[in-house]
Amino acid sequence: MGEPVTVIEKPSTNHGLVRFETNRSLTGMGHERYTKDQEVIGDRPPDVVARQLLATGRVDQVHVYAQTITVRLSAGQEPEGLKQIVEDLFIHYKPGVEIPDEASFS
């Protein structure tokens, strides 16, 4: 269930910043900012993607505005694998996850 998000990874001229542009808006017109030192509360798409990116331990800050996610990497880190996290944001049944049957809902 779910469908992948189309993501274009764009490096920044500022070392340690990377931008991901998606094919869907995650915040509408609002700006959302997250840091590695703050607990991410909520289950909105920007909350979920920020929580997952920060959980890698390679990200210091995440900023989400509409369809653009800007990530400040931790010192010495590279962005490999972060694009995949964003692409899989709305994939609910991944390999190894058991799909519930009707009996589990009764």
PDB file of N, CA and C in Angstrom:
ATOM      1  N   MET A   1       0.842  -1.175   0.000  1.00  0.00           N
ATOM      2  CA  MET A   1       0.000   0.000   0.000  1.00  0.00           C
ATOM      3  C   MET A   1       0.886   1.236   0.000  1.00  0.00           C
ATOM      4  N   GLY A   2       0.419   2.264  -0.615  1.00  0.00           N
ATOM      5  CA  GLY A   2       1.182   3.497  -0.705  1.00  0.00           C
ATOM      6  C   GLY A   2       1.918   3.555  -2.024  1.00  0.00           C
ATOM      7  N   GLU A   3       2.433   4.708  -2.323  1.00  0.00           N
ATOM      8  CA  GLU A   3       3.201   4.839  -3.548  1.00  0.00           C
ATOM      9  C   GLU A   3       4.442   5.655  -3.273  1.00  0.00           C
ATOM     10  N   PRO A   4       5.511   5.363  -4.013  1.00  0.00           N
ATOM     11  CA  PRO A   4       6.752   6.098  -3.766  1.00  0.00           C
ATOM     12  C   PRO A   4       6.613   7.578  -4.099  1.00  0.00           C
ATOM     13  N   VAL A   5       7.373   8.370  -3.403  1.00  0.00           N
ATOM     14  CA  VAL A   5       7.463   9.797  -3.682  1.00  0.00           C
ATOM     15  C   VAL A   5       8.596   9.966  -4.696  1.00  0.00           C
ATOM     16  N   THR A   6       8.358  10.738  -5.741  1.00  0.00           N
ATOM     17  CA  THR A   6       9.423  11.035  -6.691  1.00  0.00           C
ATOM     18  C   THR A   6      10.296  12.136  -6.096  1.00  0.00           C
ATOM     19  N   VAL A   7      11.606  11.889  -6.056  1.00  0.00           N
ATOM     20  CA  VAL A   7      12.522  12.808  -5.390  1.00  0.00           C
ATOM     21  C   VAL A   7      13.701  13.131  -6.312  1.00  0.00           C
ATOM     22  N   ILE A   8      14.026  14.404  -6.391  1.00  0.00           N
ATOM     23  CA  ILE A   8      15.234  14.852  -7.087  1.00  0.00           C
ATOM     24  C   ILE A   8      16.167  15.417  -6.022  1.00  0.00           C
ATOM     25  N   GLU A   9      17.357  14.845  -5.921  1.00  0.00           N
ATOM     26  CA  GLU A   9      18.350  15.314  -4.960  1.00  0.00           C
ATOM     27  C   GLU A   9      19.200  16.397  -5.609  1.00  0.00           C
ATOM     28  N   LYS A  10      19.296  17.549  -4.941  1.00  0.00           N
ATOM     29  CA  LYS A  10      20.067  18.666  -5.476  1.00  0.00           C
ATOM     30  C   LYS A  10      21.080  19.122  -4.434  1.00  0.00           C
ATOM     31  N   PRO A  11      22.346  19.013  -4.772  1.00  0.00           N
ATOM     32  CA  PRO A  11      23.354  19.514  -3.827  1.00  0.00           C
ATOM     33  C   PRO A  11      23.305  21.035  -3.766  1.00  0.00           C
ATOM     34  N   SER A  12      23.770  21.567  -2.674  1.00  0.00           N
ATOM     35  CA  SER A  12      23.805  23.011  -2.489  1.00  0.00           C
ATOM     36  C   SER A  12      25.227  23.516  -2.696  1.00  0.00           C
ATOM     37  N   THR A  13      25.353  24.791  -2.965  1.00  0.00           N
ATOM     38  CA  THR A  13      26.686  25.383  -3.031  1.00  0.00           C
ATOM     39  C   THR A  13      27.278  25.520  -1.629  1.00  0.00           C
ATOM     40  N   ASN A  14      26.430  25.422  -0.607  1.00  0.00           N
ATOM     41  CA  ASN A  14      26.888  25.434   0.786  1.00  0.00           C
ATOM     42  C   ASN A  14      27.221  24.006   1.200  1.00  0.00           C
ATOM     43  N   HIS A  15      28.495  23.763   1.545  1.00  0.00           N
ATOM     44  CA  HIS A  15      28.915  22.423   1.939  1.00  0.00           C
ATOM     45  C   HIS A  15      28.096  21.943   3.151  1.00  0.00           C
ATOM     46  N   GLY A  16      27.646  20.703   3.079  1.00  0.00           N
ATOM     47  CA  GLY A  16      26.880  20.133   4.182  1.00  0.00           C
ATOM     48  C   GLY A  16      25.383  20.310   4.052  1.00  0.00           C
ATOM     49  N   LEU A  17      24.913  20.994   3.015  1.00  0.00           N
ATOM     50  CA  LEU A  17      23.480  21.138   2.761  1.00  0.00           C
ATOM     51  C   LEU A  17      23.104  20.327   1.535  1.00  0.00           C
ATOM     52  N   VAL A  18      21.966  19.691   1.602  1.00  0.00           N
ATOM     53  CA  VAL A  18      21.426  18.980   0.448  1.00  0.00           C
ATOM     54  C   VAL A  18      19.934  19.245   0.401  1.00  0.00           C
ATOM     55  N   ARG A  19      19.400  19.349  -0.804  1.00  0.00           N
ATOM     56  CA  ARG A  19      17.974  19.661  -0.977  1.00  0.00           C
ATOM     57  C   ARG A  19      17.323  18.514  -1.736  1.00  0.00           C
ATOM     58  N   PHE A  20      16.139  18.121  -1.256  1.00  0.00           N
ATOM     59  CA  PHE A  20      15.340  17.103  -1.920  1.00  0.00           C
ATOM     60  C   PHE A  20      14.043  17.759  -2.387  1.00  0.00           C
ATOM     61  N   GLU A  21      13.775  17.688  -3.674  1.00  0.00           N
ATOM     62  CA  GLU A  21      12.534  18.222  -4.223  1.00  0.00           C
ATOM     63  C   GLU A  21      11.627  17.045  -4.565  1.00  0.00           C
ATOM     64  N   THR A  22      10.400  17.080  -4.048  1.00  0.00           N
ATOM     65  CA  THR A  22       9.471  15.962  -4.213  1.00  0.00           C
ATOM     66  C   THR A  22       8.331  16.339  -5.159  1.00  0.00           C
ATOM     67  N   ASN A  23       7.571  15.323  -5.550  1.00  0.00           N
ATOM     68  CA  ASN A  23       6.444  15.554  -6.454  1.00  0.00           C
ATOM     69  C   ASN A  23       5.141  15.807  -5.702  1.00  0.00           C
ATOM     70  N   ARG A  24       5.221  16.096  -4.429  1.00  0.00           N
ATOM     71  CA  ARG A  24       4.019  16.431  -3.645  1.00  0.00           C
ATOM     72  C   ARG A  24       4.381  17.361  -2.507  1.00  0.00           C
ATOM     73  N   SER A  25       3.440  18.183  -2.148  1.00  0.00           N
ATOM     74  CA  SER A  25       3.648  19.110  -1.050  1.00  0.00           C
ATOM     75  C   SER A  25       3.498  18.373   0.276  1.00  0.00           C
ATOM     76  N   LEU A  26       4.420  18.624   1.164  1.00  0.00           N
ATOM     77  CA  LEU A  26       4.375  17.993   2.483  1.00  0.00           C
ATOM     78  C   LEU A  26       3.855  18.935   3.556  1.00  0.00           C
ATOM     79  N   THR A  27       3.895  20.259   3.301  1.00  0.00           N
ATOM     80  CA  THR A  27       3.481  21.214   4.335  1.00  0.00           C
ATOM     81  C   THR A  27       2.453  22.223   3.874  1.00  0.00           C
ATOM     82  N   GLY A  28       2.058  22.204   2.611  1.00  0.00           N
ATOM     83  CA  GLY A  28       1.245  23.304   2.118  1.00  0.00           C
ATOM     84  C   GLY A  28       2.147  24.517   2.027  1.00  0.00           C
ATOM     85  N   MET A  29       1.721  25.654   2.568  1.00  0.00           N
ATOM     86  CA  MET A  29       2.530  26.872   2.495  1.00  0.00           C
ATOM     87  C   MET A  29       3.328  27.134   3.781  1.00  0.00           C
ATOM     88  N   GLY A  30       3.296  26.202   4.714  1.00  0.00           N
ATOM     89  CA  GLY A  30       4.000  26.410   5.978  1.00  0.00           C
ATOM     90  C   GLY A  30       5.439  25.947   5.949  1.00  0.00           C
ATOM     91  N   HIS A  31       6.280  26.585   6.769  1.00  0.00           N
ATOM     92  CA  HIS A  31       7.672  26.182   6.978  1.00  0.00           C
ATOM     93  C   HIS A  31       7.736  25.362   8.256  1.00  0.00           C
ATOM     94  N   GLU A  32       8.443  24.258   8.213  1.00  0.00           N
ATOM     95  CA  GLU A  32       8.637  23.434   9.415  1.00  0.00           C
ATOM     96  C   GLU A  32      10.132  23.226   9.593  1.00  0.00           C
ATOM     97  N   ARG A  33      10.619  23.450  10.807  1.00  0.00           N
ATOM     98  CA  ARG A  33      12.046  23.300  11.102  1.00  0.00           C
ATOM     99  C   ARG A  33      12.225  22.307  12.245  1.00  0.00           C
ATOM    100  N   TYR A  34      13.240  21.467  12.104  1.00  0.00           N
ATOM    101  CA  TYR A  34      13.525  20.432  13.091  1.00  0.00           C
ATOM    102  C   TYR A  34      15.032  20.370  13.303  1.00  0.00           C
ATOM    103  N   THR A  35      15.447  20.080  14.529  1.00  0.00           N
ATOM    104  CA  THR A  35      16.870  19.913  14.817  1.00  0.00           C
ATOM    105  C   THR A  35      17.082  18.593  15.531  1.00  0.00           C
ATOM    106  N   LYS A  36      18.331  18.129  15.503  1.00  0.00           N
ATOM    107  CA  LYS A  36      18.644  16.842  16.128  1.00  0.00           C
ATOM    108  C   LYS A  36      18.430  16.861  17.638  1.00  0.00           C
ATOM    109  N   ASP A  37      18.426  18.052  18.250  1.00  0.00           N
ATOM    110  CA  ASP A  37      18.270  18.166  19.700  1.00  0.00           C
ATOM    111  C   ASP A  37      16.820  18.279  20.153  1.00  0.00           C
ATOM    112  N   GLN A  38      15.888  18.312  19.208  1.00  0.00           N
ATOM    113  CA  GLN A  38      14.483  18.451  19.590  1.00  0.00           C
ATOM    114  C   GLN A  38      13.739  17.148  19.303  1.00  0.00           C
ATOM    115  N   GLU A  39      12.777  16.860  20.138  1.00  0.00           N
ATOM    116  CA  GLU A  39      11.917  15.701  19.906  1.00  0.00           C
ATOM    117  C   GLU A  39      10.887  16.094  18.846  1.00  0.00           C
ATOM    118  N   VAL A  40      10.759  15.246  17.839  1.00  0.00           N
ATOM    119  CA  VAL A  40       9.790  15.517  16.779  1.00  0.00           C
ATOM    120  C   VAL A  40       8.467  14.895  17.181  1.00  0.00           C
ATOM    121  N   ILE A  41       7.481  15.740  17.408  1.00  0.00           N
ATOM    122  CA  ILE A  41       6.152  15.282  17.838  1.00  0.00           C
ATOM    123  C   ILE A  41       5.196  15.475  16.675  1.00  0.00           C
ATOM    124  N   GLY A  42       4.320  14.529  16.488  1.00  0.00           N
ATOM    125  CA  GLY A  42       3.321  14.634  15.438  1.00  0.00           C
ATOM    126  C   GLY A  42       3.495  13.571  14.379  1.00  0.00           C
ATOM    127  N   ASP A  43       2.462  13.404  13.578  1.00  0.00           N
ATOM    128  CA  ASP A  43       2.464  12.382  12.543  1.00  0.00           C
ATOM    129  C   ASP A  43       2.144  12.952  11.169  1.00  0.00           C
ATOM    130  N   ARG A  44       2.281  14.272  11.019  1.00  0.00           N
ATOM    131  CA  ARG A  44       2.094  14.872   9.701  1.00  0.00           C
ATOM    132  C   ARG A  44       3.280  14.484   8.820  1.00  0.00           C
ATOM    133  N   PRO A  45       3.131  14.525   7.513  1.00  0.00           N
ATOM    134  CA  PRO A  45       4.254  14.149   6.647  1.00  0.00           C
ATOM    135  C   PRO A  45       5.574  14.857   6.955  1.00  0.00           C
ATOM    136  N   PRO A  46       5.597  16.183   7.229  1.00  0.00           N
ATOM    137  CA  PRO A  46       6.901  16.778   7.540  1.00  0.00           C
ATOM    138  C   PRO A  46       7.496  16.250   8.845  1.00  0.00           C
ATOM    139  N   ASP A  47       6.638  15.933   9.820  1.00  0.00           N
ATOM    140  CA  ASP A  47       7.116  15.368  11.087  1.00  0.00           C
ATOM    141  C   ASP A  47       7.747  13.997  10.852  1.00  0.00           C
ATOM    142  N   VAL A  48       7.069  13.180  10.063  1.00  0.00           N
ATOM    143  CA  VAL A  48       7.537  11.809   9.811  1.00  0.00           C
ATOM    144  C   VAL A  48       8.864  11.824   9.061  1.00  0.00           C
ATOM    145  N   VAL A  49       8.947  12.610   7.996  1.00  0.00           N
ATOM    146  CA  VAL A  49      10.192  12.621   7.225  1.00  0.00           C
ATOM    147  C   VAL A  49      11.333  13.201   8.056  1.00  0.00           C
ATOM    148  N   ALA A  50      11.083  14.229   8.839  1.00  0.00           N
ATOM    149  CA  ALA A  50      12.132  14.798   9.691  1.00  0.00           C
ATOM    150  C   ALA A  50      12.590  13.783  10.724  1.00  0.00           C
ATOM    151  N   ARG A  51      11.655  13.101  11.366  1.00  0.00           N
ATOM    152  CA  ARG A  51      12.002  12.103  12.380  1.00  0.00           C
ATOM    153  C   ARG A  51      12.887  11.012  11.775  1.00  0.00           C
ATOM    154  N   GLN A  52      12.524  10.546  10.568  1.00  0.00           N
ATOM    155  CA  GLN A  52      13.292   9.476   9.936  1.00  0.00           C
ATOM    156  C   GLN A  52      14.677   9.950   9.508  1.00  0.00           C
ATOM    157  N   LEU A  53      14.772  11.159   8.976  1.00  0.00           N
ATOM    158  CA  LEU A  53      16.075  11.680   8.567  1.00  0.00           C
ATOM    159  C   LEU A  53      16.978  11.919   9.781  1.00  0.00           C
ATOM    160  N   LEU A  54      16.437  12.508  10.836  1.00  0.00           N
ATOM    161  CA  LEU A  54      17.224  12.766  12.038  1.00  0.00           C
ATOM    162  C   LEU A  54      17.642  11.471  12.726  1.00  0.00           C
ATOM    163  N   ALA A  55      16.836  10.425  12.617  1.00  0.00           N
ATOM    164  CA  ALA A  55      17.140   9.139  13.252  1.00  0.00           C
ATOM    165  C   ALA A  55      18.369   8.464  12.647  1.00  0.00           C
ATOM    166  N   THR A  56      18.784   8.887  11.467  1.00  0.00           N
ATOM    167  CA  THR A  56      19.984   8.299  10.865  1.00  0.00           C
ATOM    168  C   THR A  56      21.242   8.660  11.647  1.00  0.00           C
ATOM    169  N   GLY A  57      21.175   9.750  12.432  1.00  0.00           N
ATOM    170  CA  GLY A  57      22.343  10.210  13.166  1.00  0.00           C
ATOM    171  C   GLY A  57      23.323  10.975  12.295  1.00  0.00           C
ATOM    172  N   ARG A  58      22.965  11.202  11.025  1.00  0.00           N
ATOM    173  CA  ARG A  58      23.851  11.902  10.085  1.00  0.00           C
ATOM    174  C   ARG A  58      23.334  13.286   9.730  1.00  0.00           C
ATOM    175  N   VAL A  59      22.233  13.694  10.376  1.00  0.00           N
ATOM    176  CA  VAL A  59      21.561  14.945  10.028  1.00  0.00           C
ATOM    177  C   VAL A  59      21.441  15.811  11.278  1.00  0.00           C
ATOM    178  N   ASP A  60      21.794  17.095  11.145  1.00  0.00           N
ATOM    179  CA  ASP A  60      21.662  18.040  12.257  1.00  0.00           C
ATOM    180  C   ASP A  60      20.353  18.807  12.209  1.00  0.00           C
ATOM    181  N   GLN A  61      19.907  19.187  10.988  1.00  0.00           N
ATOM    182  CA  GLN A  61      18.694  19.998  10.842  1.00  0.00           C
ATOM    183  C   GLN A  61      17.921  19.574   9.601  1.00  0.00           C
ATOM    184  N   VAL A  62      16.599  19.735   9.694  1.00  0.00           N
ATOM    185  CA  VAL A  62      15.709  19.484   8.557  1.00  0.00           C
ATOM    186  C   VAL A  62      14.753  20.670   8.463  1.00  0.00           C
ATOM    187  N   HIS A  63      14.604  21.199   7.267  1.00  0.00           N
ATOM    188  CA  HIS A  63      13.634  22.262   7.000  1.00  0.00           C
ATOM    189  C   HIS A  63      12.737  21.760   5.877  1.00  0.00           C
ATOM    190  N   VAL A  64      11.418  21.828   6.071  1.00  0.00           N
ATOM    191  CA  VAL A  64      10.468  21.384   5.057  1.00  0.00           C
ATOM    192  C   VAL A  64       9.564  22.557   4.698  1.00  0.00           C
ATOM    193  N   TYR A  65       9.512  22.839   3.419  1.00  0.00           N
ATOM    194  CA  TYR A  65       8.618  23.882   2.918  1.00  0.00           C
ATOM    195  C   TYR A  65       7.988  23.362   1.632  1.00  0.00           C
ATOM    196  N   ALA A  66       6.670  23.163   1.679  1.00  0.00           N
ATOM    197  CA  ALA A  66       5.924  22.652   0.524  1.00  0.00           C
ATOM    198  C   ALA A  66       6.545  21.340   0.064  1.00  0.00           C
ATOM    199  N   GLN A  67       7.116  21.302  -1.145  1.00  0.00           N
ATOM    200  CA  GLN A  67       7.659  20.055  -1.671  1.00  0.00           C
ATOM    201  C   GLN A  67       9.187  19.989  -1.558  1.00  0.00           C
ATOM    202  N   THR A  68       9.794  20.920  -0.832  1.00  0.00           N
ATOM    203  CA  THR A  68      11.251  20.961  -0.721  1.00  0.00           C
ATOM    204  C   THR A  68      11.694  20.641   0.701  1.00  0.00           C
ATOM    205  N   ILE A  69      12.631  19.713   0.804  1.00  0.00           N
ATOM    206  CA  ILE A  69      13.221  19.322   2.091  1.00  0.00           C
ATOM    207  C   ILE A  69      14.693  19.702   2.033  1.00  0.00           C
ATOM    208  N   THR A  70      15.126  20.562   2.943  1.00  0.00           N
ATOM    209  CA  THR A  70      16.521  20.961   3.006  1.00  0.00           C
ATOM    210  C   THR A  70      17.130  20.335   4.257  1.00  0.00           C
ATOM    211  N   VAL A  71      18.253  19.665   4.064  1.00  0.00           N
ATOM    212  CA  VAL A  71      18.890  18.920   5.146  1.00  0.00           C
ATOM    213  C   VAL A  71      20.287  19.476   5.384  1.00  0.00           C
ATOM    214  N   ARG A  72      20.599  19.767   6.649  1.00  0.00           N
ATOM    215  CA  ARG A  72      21.978  20.116   7.026  1.00  0.00           C
ATOM    216  C   ARG A  72      22.592  18.851   7.617  1.00  0.00           C
ATOM    217  N   LEU A  73      23.605  18.360   6.934  1.00  0.00           N
ATOM    218  CA  LEU A  73      24.271  17.144   7.376  1.00  0.00           C
ATOM    219  C   LEU A  73      25.169  17.428   8.577  1.00  0.00           C
ATOM    220  N   SER A  74      25.366  16.412   9.415  1.00  0.00           N
ATOM    221  CA  SER A  74      26.325  16.511  10.507  1.00  0.00           C
ATOM    222  C   SER A  74      27.724  16.574   9.903  1.00  0.00           C
ATOM    223  N   ALA A  75      28.670  17.117  10.646  1.00  0.00           N
ATOM    224  CA  ALA A  75      30.041  17.276  10.155  1.00  0.00           C
ATOM    225  C   ALA A  75      30.594  15.937   9.666  1.00  0.00           C
ATOM    226  N   GLY A  76      31.147  15.966   8.459  1.00  0.00           N
ATOM    227  CA  GLY A  76      31.784  14.779   7.887  1.00  0.00           C
ATOM    228  C   GLY A  76      30.841  13.759   7.281  1.00  0.00           C
ATOM    229  N   GLN A  77      29.551  14.049   7.255  1.00  0.00           N
ATOM    230  CA  GLN A  77      28.568  13.091   6.735  1.00  0.00           C
ATOM    231  C   GLN A  77      28.259  13.359   5.266  1.00  0.00           C
ATOM    232  N   GLU A  78      27.810  12.322   4.589  1.00  0.00           N
ATOM    233  CA  GLU A  78      27.405  12.397   3.190  1.00  0.00           C
ATOM    234  C   GLU A  78      25.922  12.055   3.095  1.00  0.00           C
ATOM    235  N   PRO A  79      25.235  12.468   2.030  1.00  0.00           N
ATOM    236  CA  PRO A  79      23.787  12.263   1.924  1.00  0.00           C
ATOM    237  C   PRO A  79      23.340  10.887   1.420  1.00  0.00           C
ATOM    238  N   GLU A  80      24.259   9.964   1.148  1.00  0.00           N
ATOM    239  CA  GLU A  80      23.867   8.667   0.618  1.00  0.00           C
ATOM    240  C   GLU A  80      22.800   8.015   1.492  1.00  0.00           C
ATOM    241  N   GLY A  81      21.736   7.540   0.845  1.00  0.00           N
ATOM    242  CA  GLY A  81      20.656   6.838   1.532  1.00  0.00           C
ATOM    243  C   GLY A  81      19.528   7.733   2.011  1.00  0.00           C
ATOM    244  N   LEU A  82      19.753   9.032   2.117  1.00  0.00           N
ATOM    245  CA  LEU A  82      18.700   9.922   2.611  1.00  0.00           C
ATOM    246  C   LEU A  82      17.582  10.073   1.583  1.00  0.00           C
ATOM    247  N   LYS A  83      17.930  10.110   0.314  1.00  0.00           N
ATOM    248  CA  LYS A  83      16.919  10.219  -0.741  1.00  0.00           C
ATOM    249  C   LYS A  83      15.941   9.051  -0.649  1.00  0.00           C
ATOM    250  N   GLN A  84      16.443   7.859  -0.379  1.00  0.00           N
ATOM    251  CA  GLN A  84      15.591   6.661  -0.281  1.00  0.00           C
ATOM    252  C   GLN A  84      14.583   6.793   0.853  1.00  0.00           C
ATOM    253  N   ILE A  85      14.987   7.416   1.956  1.00  0.00           N
ATOM    254  CA  ILE A  85      14.061   7.628   3.078  1.00  0.00           C
ATOM    255  C   ILE A  85      12.883   8.473   2.623  1.00  0.00           C
ATOM    256  N   VAL A  86      13.152   9.525   1.873  1.00  0.00           N
ATOM    257  CA  VAL A  86      12.081  10.406   1.389  1.00  0.00           C
ATOM    258  C   VAL A  86      11.219   9.668   0.361  1.00  0.00           C
ATOM    259  N   GLU A  87      11.845   8.921  -0.535  1.00  0.00           N
ATOM    260  CA  GLU A  87      11.085   8.187  -1.557  1.00  0.00           C
ATOM    261  C   GLU A  87      10.128   7.172  -0.942  1.00  0.00           C
ATOM    262  N   ASP A  88      10.531   6.573   0.171  1.00  0.00           N
ATOM    263  CA  ASP A  88       9.719   5.528   0.817  1.00  0.00           C
ATOM    264  C   ASP A  88       8.752   6.074   1.860  1.00  0.00           C
ATOM    265  N   LEU A  89       8.612   7.388   1.951  1.00  0.00           N
ATOM    266  CA  LEU A  89       7.811   8.012   3.000  1.00  0.00           C
ATOM    267  C   LEU A  89       6.392   7.454   3.090  1.00  0.00           C
ATOM    268  N   PHE A  90       5.743   7.195   1.955  1.00  0.00           N
ATOM    269  CA  PHE A  90       4.356   6.742   1.966  1.00  0.00           C
ATOM    270  C   PHE A  90       4.197   5.255   1.642  1.00  0.00           C
ATOM    271  N   ILE A  91       5.296   4.496   1.641  1.00  0.00           N
ATOM    272  CA  ILE A  91       5.226   3.048   1.436  1.00  0.00           C
ATOM    273  C   ILE A  91       4.979   2.407   2.799  1.00  0.00           C
ATOM    274  N   HIS A  92       3.843   1.777   2.950  1.00  0.00           N
ATOM    275  CA  HIS A  92       3.473   1.220   4.250  1.00  0.00           C
ATOM    276  C   HIS A  92       3.865  -0.248   4.399  1.00  0.00           C
ATOM    277  N   TYR A  93       3.772  -1.018   3.332  1.00  0.00           N
ATOM    278  CA  TYR A  93       4.072  -2.446   3.402  1.00  0.00           C
ATOM    279  C   TYR A  93       5.368  -2.699   2.657  1.00  0.00           C
ATOM    280  N   LYS A  94       6.465  -2.723   3.407  1.00  0.00           N
ATOM    281  CA  LYS A  94       7.789  -2.928   2.859  1.00  0.00           C
ATOM    282  C   LYS A  94       8.149  -4.397   2.985  1.00  0.00           C
ATOM    283  N   PRO A  95       9.151  -4.869   2.252  1.00  0.00           N
ATOM    284  CA  PRO A  95       9.563  -6.268   2.379  1.00  0.00           C
ATOM    285  C   PRO A  95       9.812  -6.627   3.840  1.00  0.00           C
ATOM    286  N   GLY A  96       9.261  -7.766   4.236  1.00  0.00           N
ATOM    287  CA  GLY A  96       9.410  -8.229   5.607  1.00  0.00           C
ATOM    288  C   GLY A  96       8.292  -7.794   6.531  1.00  0.00           C
ATOM    289  N   VAL A  97       7.430  -6.868   6.099  1.00  0.00           N
ATOM    290  CA  VAL A  97       6.300  -6.427   6.917  1.00  0.00           C
ATOM    291  C   VAL A  97       5.097  -7.274   6.555  1.00  0.00           C
ATOM    292  N   GLU A  98       4.526  -7.914   7.556  1.00  0.00           N
ATOM    293  CA  GLU A  98       3.380  -8.779   7.322  1.00  0.00           C
ATOM    294  C   GLU A  98       2.133  -7.940   7.042  1.00  0.00           C
ATOM    295  N   ILE A  99       1.444  -8.280   5.959  1.00  0.00           N
ATOM    296  CA  ILE A  99       0.215  -7.578   5.593  1.00  0.00           C
ATOM    297  C   ILE A  99      -0.927  -8.173   6.388  1.00  0.00           C
ATOM    298  N   PRO A 100      -1.699  -7.338   7.112  1.00  0.00           N
ATOM    299  CA  PRO A 100      -2.800  -7.877   7.928  1.00  0.00           C
ATOM    300  C   PRO A 100      -3.912  -8.448   7.046  1.00  0.00           C
ATOM    301  N   ASP A 101      -4.542  -9.513   7.575  1.00  0.00           N
ATOM    302  CA  ASP A 101      -5.691 -10.086   6.867  1.00  0.00           C
ATOM    303  C   ASP A 101      -6.961  -9.716   7.619  1.00  0.00           C
ATOM    304  N   GLU A 102      -8.119 -10.096   7.075  1.00  0.00           N
ATOM    305  CA  GLU A 102      -9.391  -9.733   7.688  1.00  0.00           C
ATOM    306  C   GLU A 102      -9.531 -10.216   9.108  1.00  0.00           C
ATOM    307  N   ALA A 103      -8.953 -11.376   9.429  1.00  0.00           N
ATOM    308  CA  ALA A 103      -9.075 -11.940  10.769  1.00  0.00           C
ATOM    309  C   ALA A 103      -8.420 -11.031  11.818  1.00  0.00           C
ATOM    310  N   SER A 104      -7.395 -10.310  11.433  1.00  0.00           N
ATOM    311  CA  SER A 104      -6.709  -9.453  12.397  1.00  0.00           C
ATOM    312  C   SER A 104      -7.517  -8.205  12.766  1.00  0.00           C
ATOM    313  N   PHE A 105      -8.576  -7.911  12.002  1.00  0.00           N
ATOM    314  CA  PHE A 105      -9.400  -6.744  12.282  1.00  0.00           C
ATOM    315  C   PHE A 105     -10.623  -7.070  13.119  1.00  0.00           C
ATOM    316  N   SER A 106     -10.844  -8.339  13.403  1.00  0.00           N
ATOM    317  CA  SER A 106     -12.053  -8.687  14.169  1.00  0.00           C
ATOM    318  C   SER A 106     -11.785  -8.852  15.625  1.00  0.00           C
TER     319      SER A 106
END
